[in-house]
N, C-alpha and C. Protein backbone atom coordinates (compact mmCIF):
# COMPACT_ATOMS: atom_id res chain seq x y z
N MET A 1 20.86 25.55 6.38
CA MET A 1 20.19 25.11 5.17
C MET A 1 19.30 26.24 4.66
N GLU A 2 19.48 26.62 3.41
CA GLU A 2 18.71 27.71 2.85
C GLU A 2 17.37 27.21 2.32
N GLN A 3 16.41 28.09 2.33
CA GLN A 3 15.11 27.75 1.78
C GLN A 3 15.15 27.91 0.27
N GLU A 4 14.64 26.89 -0.42
CA GLU A 4 14.61 26.94 -1.88
C GLU A 4 13.18 27.23 -2.32
N GLN A 5 13.01 28.22 -3.13
CA GLN A 5 11.73 28.56 -3.73
C GLN A 5 10.64 28.73 -2.67
N GLY A 6 10.98 29.24 -1.51
CA GLY A 6 9.99 29.49 -0.49
C GLY A 6 9.55 28.26 0.29
N TRP A 7 10.21 27.12 0.09
CA TRP A 7 9.84 25.91 0.81
C TRP A 7 10.37 25.97 2.24
N ASP A 8 9.54 25.56 3.16
CA ASP A 8 9.97 25.40 4.54
C ASP A 8 10.81 24.12 4.62
N PRO A 9 11.92 24.11 5.34
CA PRO A 9 12.75 22.90 5.41
C PRO A 9 12.00 21.69 5.96
N GLU A 10 11.08 21.90 6.89
CA GLU A 10 10.31 20.77 7.43
C GLU A 10 9.38 20.18 6.38
N VAL A 11 8.78 21.03 5.58
CA VAL A 11 7.89 20.56 4.51
C VAL A 11 8.70 19.79 3.47
N SER A 12 9.86 20.31 3.15
CA SER A 12 10.73 19.65 2.18
C SER A 12 11.14 18.26 2.67
N THR A 13 11.52 18.15 3.94
CA THR A 13 11.89 16.84 4.50
C THR A 13 10.70 15.90 4.52
N PHE A 14 9.52 16.43 4.79
CA PHE A 14 8.31 15.61 4.81
C PHE A 14 8.04 15.03 3.42
N PHE A 15 8.13 15.87 2.38
CA PHE A 15 7.90 15.39 1.02
C PHE A 15 8.95 14.38 0.60
N ILE A 16 10.17 14.56 1.03
CA ILE A 16 11.23 13.60 0.71
C ILE A 16 10.93 12.25 1.35
N ARG A 17 10.43 12.27 2.59
CA ARG A 17 10.05 11.00 3.25
C ARG A 17 8.91 10.32 2.51
N ILE A 18 7.93 11.11 2.05
CA ILE A 18 6.81 10.54 1.31
C ILE A 18 7.31 9.89 0.02
N ILE A 19 8.16 10.58 -0.72
CA ILE A 19 8.67 10.05 -1.98
C ILE A 19 9.52 8.81 -1.74
N ASN A 20 10.34 8.81 -0.69
CA ASN A 20 11.15 7.63 -0.37
C ASN A 20 10.27 6.44 -0.01
N ALA A 21 9.20 6.67 0.76
CA ALA A 21 8.30 5.58 1.13
C ALA A 21 7.61 5.00 -0.10
N ILE A 22 7.17 5.86 -1.00
CA ILE A 22 6.53 5.39 -2.23
C ILE A 22 7.53 4.63 -3.09
N ALA A 23 8.74 5.14 -3.21
CA ALA A 23 9.76 4.50 -4.05
C ALA A 23 10.14 3.12 -3.54
N ILE A 24 10.37 2.99 -2.25
CA ILE A 24 10.77 1.68 -1.72
C ILE A 24 9.62 0.68 -1.79
N THR A 25 8.38 1.16 -1.62
CA THR A 25 7.23 0.27 -1.74
C THR A 25 7.05 -0.19 -3.18
N LEU A 26 7.19 0.71 -4.13
CA LEU A 26 7.10 0.33 -5.55
C LEU A 26 8.22 -0.63 -5.93
N PHE A 27 9.41 -0.40 -5.42
CA PHE A 27 10.52 -1.32 -5.69
C PHE A 27 10.21 -2.71 -5.16
N TRP A 28 9.66 -2.78 -3.94
CA TRP A 28 9.30 -4.08 -3.36
C TRP A 28 8.23 -4.76 -4.21
N MET A 29 7.22 -4.00 -4.61
CA MET A 29 6.13 -4.57 -5.41
C MET A 29 6.63 -5.08 -6.76
N LEU A 30 7.46 -4.30 -7.43
CA LEU A 30 7.97 -4.71 -8.74
C LEU A 30 8.90 -5.92 -8.63
N THR A 31 9.71 -5.95 -7.59
CA THR A 31 10.60 -7.09 -7.39
C THR A 31 9.80 -8.36 -7.11
N ALA A 32 8.82 -8.26 -6.22
CA ALA A 32 8.00 -9.42 -5.88
C ALA A 32 7.21 -9.91 -7.10
N SER A 33 6.66 -8.98 -7.86
CA SER A 33 5.90 -9.36 -9.05
C SER A 33 6.79 -9.99 -10.11
N THR A 34 7.96 -9.43 -10.30
CA THR A 34 8.88 -9.97 -11.31
C THR A 34 9.30 -11.38 -10.96
N ILE A 35 9.70 -11.56 -9.72
CA ILE A 35 10.13 -12.90 -9.30
C ILE A 35 8.97 -13.88 -9.35
N GLY A 36 7.81 -13.42 -8.91
CA GLY A 36 6.66 -14.32 -8.86
C GLY A 36 6.07 -14.66 -10.21
N LEU A 37 5.86 -13.65 -11.05
CA LEU A 37 5.18 -13.89 -12.31
C LEU A 37 6.13 -14.19 -13.47
N TYR A 38 7.21 -13.46 -13.59
CA TYR A 38 8.13 -13.67 -14.70
C TYR A 38 8.85 -15.01 -14.59
N ILE A 39 9.35 -15.29 -13.41
CA ILE A 39 10.04 -16.56 -13.21
C ILE A 39 9.03 -17.70 -13.05
N GLY A 40 7.86 -17.39 -12.46
CA GLY A 40 6.81 -18.39 -12.35
C GLY A 40 6.63 -18.98 -10.97
N LEU A 41 7.27 -18.41 -9.97
CA LEU A 41 7.15 -18.97 -8.63
C LEU A 41 5.77 -18.73 -8.01
N ALA A 42 5.04 -17.75 -8.47
CA ALA A 42 3.72 -17.46 -7.91
C ALA A 42 2.64 -18.38 -8.48
N VAL A 43 2.96 -19.08 -9.54
CA VAL A 43 1.98 -19.94 -10.21
C VAL A 43 2.13 -21.36 -9.68
N PRO A 44 1.08 -21.86 -8.99
CA PRO A 44 1.17 -23.24 -8.51
C PRO A 44 1.26 -24.22 -9.68
N GLY A 45 2.16 -25.17 -9.58
CA GLY A 45 2.32 -26.18 -10.61
C GLY A 45 3.50 -25.92 -11.53
N ALA A 46 3.97 -24.69 -11.59
CA ALA A 46 5.12 -24.39 -12.45
C ALA A 46 6.42 -24.89 -11.82
N PHE A 47 6.49 -24.87 -10.51
CA PHE A 47 7.64 -25.34 -9.75
C PHE A 47 7.12 -26.33 -8.71
N PRO A 48 7.99 -27.06 -8.04
CA PRO A 48 7.53 -27.92 -6.95
C PRO A 48 6.82 -27.08 -5.88
N ILE A 49 5.90 -27.69 -5.17
CA ILE A 49 5.07 -26.97 -4.20
C ILE A 49 5.91 -26.31 -3.12
N TRP A 50 7.03 -26.94 -2.73
CA TRP A 50 7.87 -26.33 -1.69
C TRP A 50 8.47 -25.01 -2.16
N ALA A 51 8.77 -24.88 -3.47
CA ALA A 51 9.33 -23.63 -3.98
C ALA A 51 8.28 -22.53 -3.97
N THR A 52 7.04 -22.88 -4.30
CA THR A 52 5.96 -21.90 -4.28
C THR A 52 5.66 -21.45 -2.85
N VAL A 53 5.63 -22.41 -1.92
CA VAL A 53 5.40 -22.08 -0.52
C VAL A 53 6.54 -21.21 0.01
N LEU A 54 7.76 -21.53 -0.34
CA LEU A 54 8.92 -20.73 0.08
C LEU A 54 8.83 -19.32 -0.49
N TYR A 55 8.40 -19.19 -1.75
CA TYR A 55 8.25 -17.87 -2.35
C TYR A 55 7.23 -17.04 -1.57
N TYR A 56 6.06 -17.62 -1.29
CA TYR A 56 5.04 -16.87 -0.57
C TYR A 56 5.46 -16.57 0.88
N LEU A 57 6.18 -17.47 1.50
CA LEU A 57 6.68 -17.22 2.85
C LEU A 57 7.67 -16.06 2.84
N LEU A 58 8.59 -16.06 1.89
CA LEU A 58 9.55 -14.95 1.79
C LEU A 58 8.85 -13.65 1.40
N LEU A 59 7.78 -13.75 0.62
CA LEU A 59 7.01 -12.56 0.26
C LEU A 59 6.37 -11.93 1.49
N VAL A 60 5.77 -12.75 2.34
CA VAL A 60 5.14 -12.25 3.56
C VAL A 60 6.19 -11.68 4.51
N LEU A 61 7.31 -12.37 4.67
CA LEU A 61 8.36 -11.89 5.57
C LEU A 61 8.98 -10.58 5.06
N SER A 62 9.18 -10.48 3.76
CA SER A 62 9.75 -9.24 3.23
C SER A 62 8.75 -8.10 3.33
N PHE A 63 7.46 -8.39 3.20
CA PHE A 63 6.45 -7.34 3.37
C PHE A 63 6.43 -6.87 4.82
N ALA A 64 6.53 -7.80 5.77
CA ALA A 64 6.58 -7.42 7.18
C ALA A 64 7.81 -6.56 7.47
N ALA A 65 8.94 -6.91 6.86
CA ALA A 65 10.16 -6.11 7.04
C ALA A 65 9.98 -4.72 6.42
N LEU A 66 9.30 -4.64 5.29
CA LEU A 66 9.03 -3.35 4.65
C LEU A 66 8.15 -2.48 5.54
N VAL A 67 7.10 -3.05 6.08
CA VAL A 67 6.20 -2.30 6.96
C VAL A 67 6.94 -1.84 8.20
N ARG A 68 7.76 -2.70 8.77
CA ARG A 68 8.53 -2.33 9.96
C ARG A 68 9.49 -1.19 9.65
N TYR A 69 10.16 -1.27 8.51
CA TYR A 69 11.09 -0.21 8.11
C TYR A 69 10.36 1.11 7.93
N LEU A 70 9.22 1.08 7.26
CA LEU A 70 8.46 2.31 7.04
C LEU A 70 7.93 2.89 8.35
N ARG A 71 7.43 2.02 9.23
CA ARG A 71 6.94 2.51 10.52
C ARG A 71 8.06 3.14 11.34
N ASN A 72 9.23 2.50 11.37
CA ASN A 72 10.37 3.05 12.12
C ASN A 72 10.84 4.36 11.51
N THR A 73 10.82 4.45 10.20
CA THR A 73 11.24 5.67 9.52
C THR A 73 10.31 6.81 9.87
N TRP A 74 9.01 6.56 9.88
CA TRP A 74 8.06 7.63 10.16
C TRP A 74 7.99 7.95 11.65
N LYS A 75 8.17 6.95 12.51
CA LYS A 75 8.14 7.22 13.96
C LYS A 75 9.36 8.02 14.39
N LYS A 76 10.51 7.76 13.75
CA LYS A 76 11.74 8.44 14.12
C LYS A 76 11.62 9.95 13.98
N HIS A 77 10.83 10.40 13.02
CA HIS A 77 10.71 11.83 12.77
C HIS A 77 9.58 12.50 13.54
N HIS A 78 8.80 11.70 14.26
CA HIS A 78 7.67 12.28 15.01
C HIS A 78 7.96 12.43 16.48
N LYS A 79 9.16 12.13 16.92
CA LYS A 79 9.49 12.24 18.35
C LYS A 79 9.79 13.65 18.74
């Protein structure tokens, strides 16, 4: 792998990991906000209470999965 513009390959890979982590987190946030606010699942009273509870439960579970994915991604490169 050749160096581009004087970048060290390790630094380049590090920045790519940072950008990927930010991108996937922003995607999760935008998806959760869109489903919650645009559709109305985050607003109590707009849907039956079980739908709101299910939305928040899936929100917490998907956030835990996101954190686990990010932790595994960053740990894999530090060994």
